[in-house]
Amino acid sequence: MADTAVPALKLDSPPDPKSELKIDAQLREPRFWVATEYVHTWQNATTATPDLVDQVTVTPNSSTVTPMYNQKRVVFGDGNAVRLTLGGWIDRDEKFGAELSGFYTPRQTETDSITGTPNGPILTAPFGASALNGVTAGKSQIGGPIGSTGVQGYASFTSTTESYGGEGNLLAHLLTYHHGPDFSVDASGLGGFRYFGVADQFQESIGRENVPPALGNNFSGTDSYQTQSNFYGADFGGRVRVGYEGLFAELTPKLGLGVTDESVDVSGTSSASSGGTPLPALNPGGFLAIGNKLGDRSTDKFAVLPQLTLKVGYDLTKQVEVFVGYDVLYLSQVARASGQVSNQVGASTSPFAAFGGIPGGADNSPPPAISSTSFLQQGVSAGLSAKF
């Protein structure tokens, strides 16, 4: 009898762990993201300056003073900022996450100048009286005729500003809603720490020279006012994202509550001569930055920092999206450099005592308080986000 072949039993091969991991990676949503943005910014005008330059028109019976640089609010041109964001979901179910973000707006500069000539209009740099010691108001002539001679001079003003900030937030996914395969709504809450900084500088240079120089008092002085405002606080907010067939819109309102640390640094330099002979400086300082106005001072103030960000974009792939956006940020307390300038210098001591045409007097006034205002910055952005 012929042997009957017994068919071999087929056993299922064990599952391949690598294949399971590959399938899981294909089904899993991206957990991490990185975004970079270019932001075109603009901000509100700075605090107004006091009266720093006047034009005086003299008639036989009277004189008329026309302010040339008074209540000046510096309007900086549009700025260019960059913003970087890193984030990710901490757990596998993507319920809790964390996000870090920072931005930097490079320094912007605005300049202005006024020039006086011996035969031109009479230009003066005024300095006011102090109620503490009753010193009367005065002025330094920087242009126009004086008797048979004349004065040539200048007043130049330079303002700079820059801003920067960063934040770290924890995320909590609150809800997801789907209507069909193409429409979705996602909402998350966020909370964490917020930092925002604004650095300003205002510099004024005043110079006068008699023509010819040997016939009178010649002077040049530079005043520098630097401010730094740093906000530190808690950050609260939310994020809602609506998607449809690859298009999306995302709204992120946030509110920061904390303090702004405001600091001011005032310094001045000057030189003078009389009848062509240089004079030694008896005290430090410039033209208006003299006496008790010089030095550092700081204060802390409660502040709020709300921000609203809107983005619209398109998912190029599941991992890559492009977007444009609008952003507005407001800080309730900030020190601007131009707001620290004061022409009330009768209670300060000039670097050159008994020198005609520049401030002088007894040094008996307290240091001025820091002047605060608000800060508003807006921007339009374009960016790229990658998920993985």
Protein backbone atom coordinates (compact mmCIF):
# COMPACT_ATOMS: atom_id res chain seq x y z
CA MET A 1 0.00 0.00 0.00
CA ALA A 2 1.38 3.32 -0.98
CA ASP A 3 2.17 5.73 1.78
CA THR A 4 -0.38 8.53 2.08
CA ALA A 5 1.22 11.96 2.49
CA VAL A 6 -0.07 13.88 5.45
CA PRO A 7 -0.40 17.57 4.60
CA ALA A 8 1.69 19.84 6.81
CA LEU A 9 -0.18 22.01 9.18
CA LYS A 10 0.08 25.78 8.45
CA LEU A 11 0.68 27.85 11.52
CA ASP A 12 0.07 31.61 11.53
CA SER A 13 3.36 33.42 11.76
CA PRO A 14 3.81 35.58 14.88
CA PRO A 15 3.00 39.29 14.48
CA ASP A 16 5.85 41.53 13.40
CA PRO A 17 6.38 44.25 16.08
CA LYS A 18 7.97 46.55 13.53
CA SER A 19 4.87 46.37 11.33
CA GLU A 20 2.61 47.22 14.27
CA LEU A 21 4.74 50.23 15.16
CA LYS A 22 4.66 51.39 11.55
CA ILE A 23 0.86 51.16 11.38
CA ASP A 24 0.53 52.92 14.75
CA ALA A 25 2.78 55.76 13.58
CA GLN A 26 0.66 56.20 10.46
CA LEU A 27 -2.58 56.43 12.45
CA ARG A 28 -1.31 58.60 15.29
CA GLU A 29 -1.85 62.37 15.07
CA PRO A 30 1.29 64.58 15.21
CA ARG A 31 2.13 65.40 18.85
CA PHE A 32 4.70 68.18 18.46
CA TRP A 33 4.86 71.41 16.48
CA VAL A 34 7.26 74.23 15.66
CA ALA A 35 6.28 77.52 13.99
CA THR A 36 8.25 80.50 12.76
CA GLU A 37 6.75 83.85 11.79
CA TYR A 38 7.70 87.19 10.28
CA VAL A 39 5.69 89.99 11.90
CA HIS A 40 5.32 93.51 10.46
CA THR A 41 4.66 95.71 13.51
CA TRP A 42 3.65 99.24 14.42
CA GLN A 43 3.13 100.90 17.81
CA ASN A 44 1.46 103.94 19.35
CA ALA A 45 3.30 107.26 19.61
CA THR A 46 5.59 107.97 22.57
CA THR A 47 4.85 110.32 25.46
CA ALA A 48 4.92 114.01 24.50
CA THR A 49 8.03 116.05 25.28
CA PRO A 50 7.96 119.46 26.99
CA ASP A 51 8.80 122.69 25.13
CA LEU A 52 12.39 122.22 23.95
CA VAL A 53 12.85 124.73 21.07
CA ASP A 54 11.04 128.01 20.32
CA GLN A 55 11.20 130.61 17.58
CA VAL A 56 10.99 134.21 18.83
CA THR A 57 9.72 136.99 16.57
CA VAL A 58 10.58 140.46 17.89
CA THR A 59 8.69 143.62 16.93
CA PRO A 60 9.22 147.16 18.26
CA ASN A 61 6.39 146.74 20.75
CA SER A 62 6.25 143.02 21.51
CA SER A 63 7.65 139.58 20.86
CA THR A 64 5.90 136.39 19.80
CA VAL A 65 7.03 132.90 20.80
CA THR A 66 6.22 130.02 18.44
CA PRO A 67 7.04 126.51 19.71
CA MET A 68 9.19 124.56 17.26
CA TYR A 69 9.61 121.34 19.26
CA ASN A 70 6.86 121.19 21.86
CA GLN A 71 4.52 118.36 22.90
CA LYS A 72 6.33 116.23 20.34
CA ARG A 73 5.18 112.61 20.15
CA VAL A 74 7.60 110.40 18.31
CA VAL A 75 5.92 108.09 15.81
CA PHE A 76 8.22 105.22 14.95
CA GLY A 77 8.04 103.70 11.52
CA ASP A 78 6.92 100.14 10.88
CA GLY A 79 9.06 97.49 12.54
CA ASN A 80 10.06 93.96 11.56
CA ALA A 81 9.86 91.23 14.19
CA VAL A 82 10.40 87.49 14.32
CA ARG A 83 8.52 84.99 16.48
CA LEU A 84 9.33 81.34 17.23
CA THR A 85 6.95 78.85 18.86
CA LEU A 86 7.65 75.31 20.11
CA GLY A 87 5.02 73.02 21.59
CA GLY A 88 3.79 69.51 22.06
CA TRP A 89 1.25 67.24 23.74
CA ILE A 90 2.64 65.57 26.84
CA ASP A 91 0.35 62.53 26.95
CA ARG A 92 -0.51 59.98 24.26
CA ASP A 93 -4.18 61.01 24.24
CA GLU A 94 -3.17 64.62 23.55
CA LYS A 95 -5.13 66.03 26.46
CA PHE A 96 -2.32 68.02 28.09
CA GLY A 97 0.55 69.88 26.50
CA ALA A 98 3.09 72.69 26.83
CA GLU A 99 4.13 75.56 24.58
CA LEU A 100 7.03 78.05 24.53
CA SER A 101 7.03 81.21 22.42
CA GLY A 102 9.29 84.23 22.03
CA PHE A 103 9.62 87.27 19.78
CA TYR A 104 12.05 90.12 19.14
CA THR A 105 11.52 93.49 17.44
CA PRO A 106 14.90 95.05 16.52
CA ARG A 107 15.73 98.62 17.47
CA GLN A 108 14.00 101.40 15.55
CA THR A 109 15.38 104.96 15.35
CA GLU A 110 13.77 108.31 14.57
CA THR A 111 15.72 111.60 14.36
CA ASP A 112 14.85 115.29 14.13
CA SER A 113 16.96 118.44 14.11
CA ILE A 114 16.67 122.24 14.08
CA THR A 115 19.52 124.49 12.94
CA GLY A 116 20.03 128.13 13.84
CA THR A 117 22.05 130.67 11.83
CA PRO A 118 23.38 134.14 12.79
CA ASN A 119 21.15 135.92 10.27
CA GLY A 120 18.13 133.66 10.60
CA PRO A 121 15.19 133.64 13.02
CA ILE A 122 15.86 133.84 16.74
CA LEU A 123 15.78 130.27 18.07
CA THR A 124 15.89 129.48 21.78
CA ALA A 125 16.03 126.39 23.96
CA PRO A 126 13.86 127.29 26.99
CA PHE A 127 14.23 126.10 30.55
CA GLY A 128 11.49 126.74 33.09
CA ALA A 129 11.13 127.97 36.64
CA SER A 130 10.95 125.76 39.71
CA ALA A 131 8.21 126.34 42.25
CA LEU A 132 10.60 125.18 44.99
CA ASN A 133 13.11 128.00 44.72
CA GLY A 134 11.42 130.61 42.52
CA VAL A 135 14.15 130.69 39.87
CA THR A 136 12.75 132.56 36.89
CA ALA A 137 12.45 131.01 33.46
CA GLY A 138 15.32 131.38 31.04
CA LYS A 139 16.37 130.41 27.55
CA SER A 140 19.52 129.59 25.62
CA GLN A 141 19.68 131.25 22.21
CA ILE A 142 20.82 128.84 19.49
CA GLY A 143 20.20 130.99 16.43
CA GLY A 144 19.65 134.55 15.24
CA PRO A 145 21.24 137.95 15.81
CA ILE A 146 22.43 139.31 19.15
CA GLY A 147 23.29 143.00 18.89
CA SER A 148 25.96 143.44 16.24
CA THR A 149 26.87 139.74 16.27
CA GLY A 150 24.91 136.55 15.91
CA VAL A 151 24.52 133.00 17.23
CA GLN A 152 24.63 129.79 15.30
CA GLY A 153 23.59 126.55 16.90
CA TYR A 154 21.55 123.42 16.72
CA ALA A 155 19.10 121.18 18.54
CA SER A 156 19.02 117.52 17.56
CA PHE A 157 16.79 114.76 18.90
CA THR A 158 17.21 110.99 18.56
CA SER A 159 14.66 108.43 19.75
CA THR A 160 15.08 104.65 19.75
CA THR A 161 12.87 101.77 20.82
CA GLU A 162 12.89 97.97 20.81
CA SER A 163 10.61 95.32 22.28
CA TYR A 164 10.88 91.62 23.05
CA GLY A 165 9.17 88.96 25.08
CA GLY A 166 8.52 85.33 25.82
CA GLU A 167 6.01 83.06 27.48
CA GLY A 168 5.60 79.48 28.64
CA ASN A 169 2.14 77.94 28.94
CA LEU A 170 0.55 74.62 29.82
CA LEU A 171 -2.26 73.49 27.50
CA ALA A 172 -5.42 71.54 28.31
CA HIS A 173 -7.51 70.18 25.43
CA LEU A 174 -11.15 70.95 26.25
CA LEU A 175 -13.23 69.67 23.34
CA THR A 176 -13.24 68.39 19.77
CA TYR A 177 -16.26 68.51 17.48
CA HIS A 178 -16.47 66.90 14.02
CA HIS A 179 -19.24 67.25 11.48
CA GLY A 180 -18.49 64.88 8.66
CA PRO A 181 -14.94 64.21 7.48
CA ASP A 182 -14.06 67.81 6.62
CA PHE A 183 -15.32 70.11 9.39
CA SER A 184 -13.83 70.25 12.89
CA VAL A 185 -13.68 72.49 15.95
CA ASP A 186 -10.99 72.20 18.63
CA ALA A 187 -10.76 74.23 21.84
CA SER A 188 -7.99 74.38 24.44
CA GLY A 189 -7.28 76.37 27.58
CA LEU A 190 -3.85 77.69 28.50
CA GLY A 191 -2.06 79.19 31.48
CA GLY A 192 1.50 79.98 32.44
CA PHE A 193 4.10 82.75 32.78
CA ARG A 194 4.55 85.86 30.62
CA TYR A 195 7.44 88.30 30.10
CA PHE A 196 7.40 91.42 27.92
CA GLY A 197 10.01 94.19 27.67
CA VAL A 198 10.28 97.65 26.09
CA ALA A 199 13.57 99.59 25.97
CA ASP A 200 13.61 103.28 24.92
CA GLN A 201 16.15 106.06 24.62
CA PHE A 202 15.68 109.78 24.02
CA GLN A 203 18.74 111.93 23.40
CA GLU A 204 18.78 115.71 23.06
CA SER A 205 21.85 117.68 21.96
CA ILE A 206 21.94 121.50 22.25
CA GLY A 207 24.78 123.65 20.95
CA ARG A 208 25.38 127.39 20.56
CA GLU A 209 28.33 129.36 19.26
CA ASN A 210 28.73 133.10 18.98
CA VAL A 211 29.91 134.43 15.62
CA PRO A 212 32.79 135.10 15.84
CA PRO A 213 33.32 132.49 18.62
CA ALA A 214 35.70 134.62 20.70
CA LEU A 215 33.04 137.27 21.38
CA GLY A 216 30.76 135.34 23.72
CA ASN A 217 29.74 132.27 25.64
CA ASN A 218 29.74 129.01 23.67
CA PHE A 219 28.14 125.83 24.95
CA SER A 220 27.26 122.29 23.87
CA GLY A 221 25.40 119.73 25.93
CA THR A 222 23.87 116.30 25.44
CA ASP A 223 21.11 114.80 27.60
CA SER A 224 20.37 111.08 27.51
CA TYR A 225 17.24 109.44 28.94
CA GLN A 226 17.08 105.63 28.88
CA THR A 227 14.11 103.61 30.08
CA GLN A 228 13.56 99.90 30.56
CA SER A 229 10.12 98.44 31.26
CA ASN A 230 9.86 94.71 32.10
CA PHE A 231 6.49 93.05 32.64
CA TYR A 232 6.37 89.80 34.65
CA GLY A 233 3.10 88.04 35.28
CA ALA A 234 0.73 85.11 35.06
CA ASP A 235 -0.80 84.31 31.68
CA PHE A 236 -4.33 82.97 31.09
CA GLY A 237 -6.23 82.33 27.90
CA GLY A 238 -7.65 79.92 25.36
CA ARG A 239 -7.40 78.83 21.75
CA VAL A 240 -10.16 77.88 19.33
CA ARG A 241 -9.41 76.37 15.92
CA VAL A 242 -11.97 75.77 13.18
CA GLY A 243 -11.00 73.65 10.16
CA TYR A 244 -12.74 72.87 6.88
CA GLU A 245 -11.25 70.97 3.92
CA GLY A 246 -7.68 72.01 4.72
CA LEU A 247 -8.51 75.62 5.55
CA PHE A 248 -8.42 76.75 9.16
CA ALA A 249 -8.96 79.80 11.38
CA GLU A 250 -7.46 80.07 14.86
CA LEU A 251 -8.27 82.61 17.59
CA THR A 252 -6.09 82.96 20.73
CA PRO A 253 -7.10 85.52 23.40
CA LYS A 254 -4.77 85.89 26.42
CA LEU A 255 -4.58 88.05 29.53
CA GLY A 256 -1.44 88.71 31.57
CA LEU A 257 -1.67 89.97 35.16
CA GLY A 258 1.48 91.07 36.98
CA VAL A 259 3.85 93.96 37.55
CA THR A 260 5.95 96.19 35.32
CA ASP A 261 9.42 96.97 36.64
CA GLU A 262 10.20 100.47 35.29
CA SER A 263 13.72 101.89 35.43
CA VAL A 264 15.12 105.23 34.21
CA ASP A 265 18.77 106.20 33.68
CA VAL A 266 19.48 109.91 33.06
CA SER A 267 22.95 111.17 32.11
CA GLY A 268 24.47 114.26 30.50
CA THR A 269 27.72 115.61 29.11
CA SER A 270 28.69 119.20 28.26
CA SER A 271 31.47 121.61 27.38
CA ALA A 272 31.70 125.41 27.39
CA SER A 273 33.99 128.30 26.65
CA SER A 274 33.89 132.03 27.33
CA GLY A 275 35.67 134.48 25.07
CA GLY A 276 37.41 131.55 23.39
CA THR A 277 38.76 130.15 26.70
CA PRO A 278 37.53 126.69 27.75
CA LEU A 279 35.74 126.57 31.09
CA PRO A 280 36.17 123.72 33.60
CA ALA A 281 33.02 121.80 34.45
CA LEU A 282 32.08 122.27 38.11
CA ASN A 283 29.29 119.69 38.14
CA PRO A 284 28.25 116.71 35.98
CA GLY A 285 25.44 116.97 33.48
CA GLY A 286 24.36 118.30 30.13
CA PHE A 287 21.77 120.98 29.28
CA LEU A 288 18.57 119.79 30.98
CA ALA A 289 19.93 116.56 32.49
CA ILE A 290 21.61 118.13 35.51
CA GLY A 291 21.49 118.08 39.30
CA ASN A 292 18.99 115.71 40.90
CA LYS A 293 17.68 114.62 37.51
CA LEU A 294 20.86 112.60 36.94
CA GLY A 295 21.20 108.96 37.93
CA ASP A 296 19.13 105.78 38.11
CA ARG A 297 15.74 105.25 39.66
CA SER A 298 13.14 102.50 39.43
CA THR A 299 9.63 101.52 40.51
CA ASP A 300 7.20 98.58 40.26
CA LYS A 301 3.59 99.03 39.16
CA PHE A 302 0.68 96.62 38.78
CA ALA A 303 -0.07 96.07 35.09
CA VAL A 304 -2.31 94.12 32.75
CA LEU A 305 -1.24 92.75 29.38
CA PRO A 306 -4.08 91.52 27.13
CA GLN A 307 -3.27 90.09 23.70
CA LEU A 308 -5.40 88.84 20.82
CA THR A 309 -4.06 86.76 17.93
CA LEU A 310 -6.00 85.68 14.83
CA LYS A 311 -4.59 83.33 12.19
CA VAL A 312 -6.01 81.91 8.97
CA GLY A 313 -4.17 79.34 6.93
CA TYR A 314 -4.07 76.16 4.88
CA ASP A 315 -2.77 72.66 5.57
CA LEU A 316 -0.35 71.85 2.76
CA THR A 317 0.03 68.36 4.21
CA LYS A 318 -0.86 66.66 7.46
CA GLN A 319 2.48 67.88 8.83
CA VAL A 320 2.94 71.32 7.22
CA GLU A 321 0.72 74.42 7.21
CA VAL A 322 1.09 78.04 6.15
CA PHE A 323 -0.77 80.97 7.65
CA VAL A 324 -1.18 84.75 7.89
CA GLY A 325 -2.35 86.57 10.99
CA TYR A 326 -3.11 89.72 12.94
CA ASP A 327 -1.90 90.41 16.47
CA VAL A 328 -2.61 93.22 18.96
CA LEU A 329 -0.95 93.63 22.37
CA TYR A 330 -1.53 96.25 25.08
CA LEU A 331 0.52 96.95 28.23
CA SER A 332 -1.10 99.26 30.77
CA GLN A 333 2.11 100.51 32.47
CA VAL A 334 5.34 101.38 30.70
CA ALA A 335 7.96 104.15 31.00
CA ARG A 336 8.81 105.88 27.71
CA ALA A 337 12.07 107.81 27.50
CA SER A 338 10.57 111.00 26.06
CA GLY A 339 8.19 111.20 29.02
CA GLN A 340 11.10 111.57 31.47
CA VAL A 341 12.35 114.86 29.93
CA SER A 342 11.69 118.02 31.92
CA ASN A 343 12.73 121.60 31.18
CA GLN A 344 11.98 122.57 34.79
CA VAL A 345 15.63 122.81 35.81
CA GLY A 346 15.74 125.87 38.04
CA ALA A 347 16.28 123.61 41.07
CA SER A 348 19.43 122.01 39.69
CA THR A 349 23.05 123.02 39.50
CA SER A 350 24.56 123.72 36.09
CA PRO A 351 27.88 122.16 35.11
CA PHE A 352 29.09 125.74 34.55
CA ALA A 353 28.15 128.09 37.37
CA ALA A 354 27.46 131.76 36.62
CA PHE A 355 27.40 131.00 32.91
CA GLY A 356 24.96 133.11 30.94
CA GLY A 357 22.21 131.49 28.90
CA ILE A 358 22.09 128.01 30.42
CA PRO A 359 20.27 126.64 33.49
CA GLY A 360 21.60 127.22 36.99
CA GLY A 361 20.44 127.55 40.57
CA ALA A 362 20.44 125.83 43.92
CA ASP A 363 20.17 122.05 44.06
CA ASN A 364 17.25 121.65 46.46
CA SER A 365 14.59 119.69 44.56
CA PRO A 366 13.76 115.98 44.98
CA PRO A 367 14.45 113.59 42.09
CA PRO A 368 11.51 113.56 39.68
CA ALA A 369 9.06 110.66 39.77
CA ILE A 370 8.98 108.19 36.87
CA SER A 371 6.33 109.12 34.31
CA SER A 372 4.28 106.14 33.05
CA THR A 373 1.95 105.63 30.13
CA SER A 374 0.51 102.71 28.13
CA PHE A 375 1.96 100.77 25.20
CA LEU A 376 0.08 99.39 22.19
CA GLN A 377 1.68 97.22 19.52
CA GLN A 378 -0.02 95.66 16.49
CA GLY A 379 1.28 93.43 13.76
CA VAL A 380 0.44 91.38 10.69
CA SER A 381 2.29 88.13 10.21
CA ALA A 382 3.07 85.33 7.79
CA GLY A 383 4.45 82.01 8.94
CA LEU A 384 5.05 78.29 8.52
CA SER A 385 4.25 75.52 11.00
CA ALA A 386 5.51 71.95 11.00
CA LYS A 387 4.00 69.06 13.01
CA PHE A 388 5.62 65.76 13.78
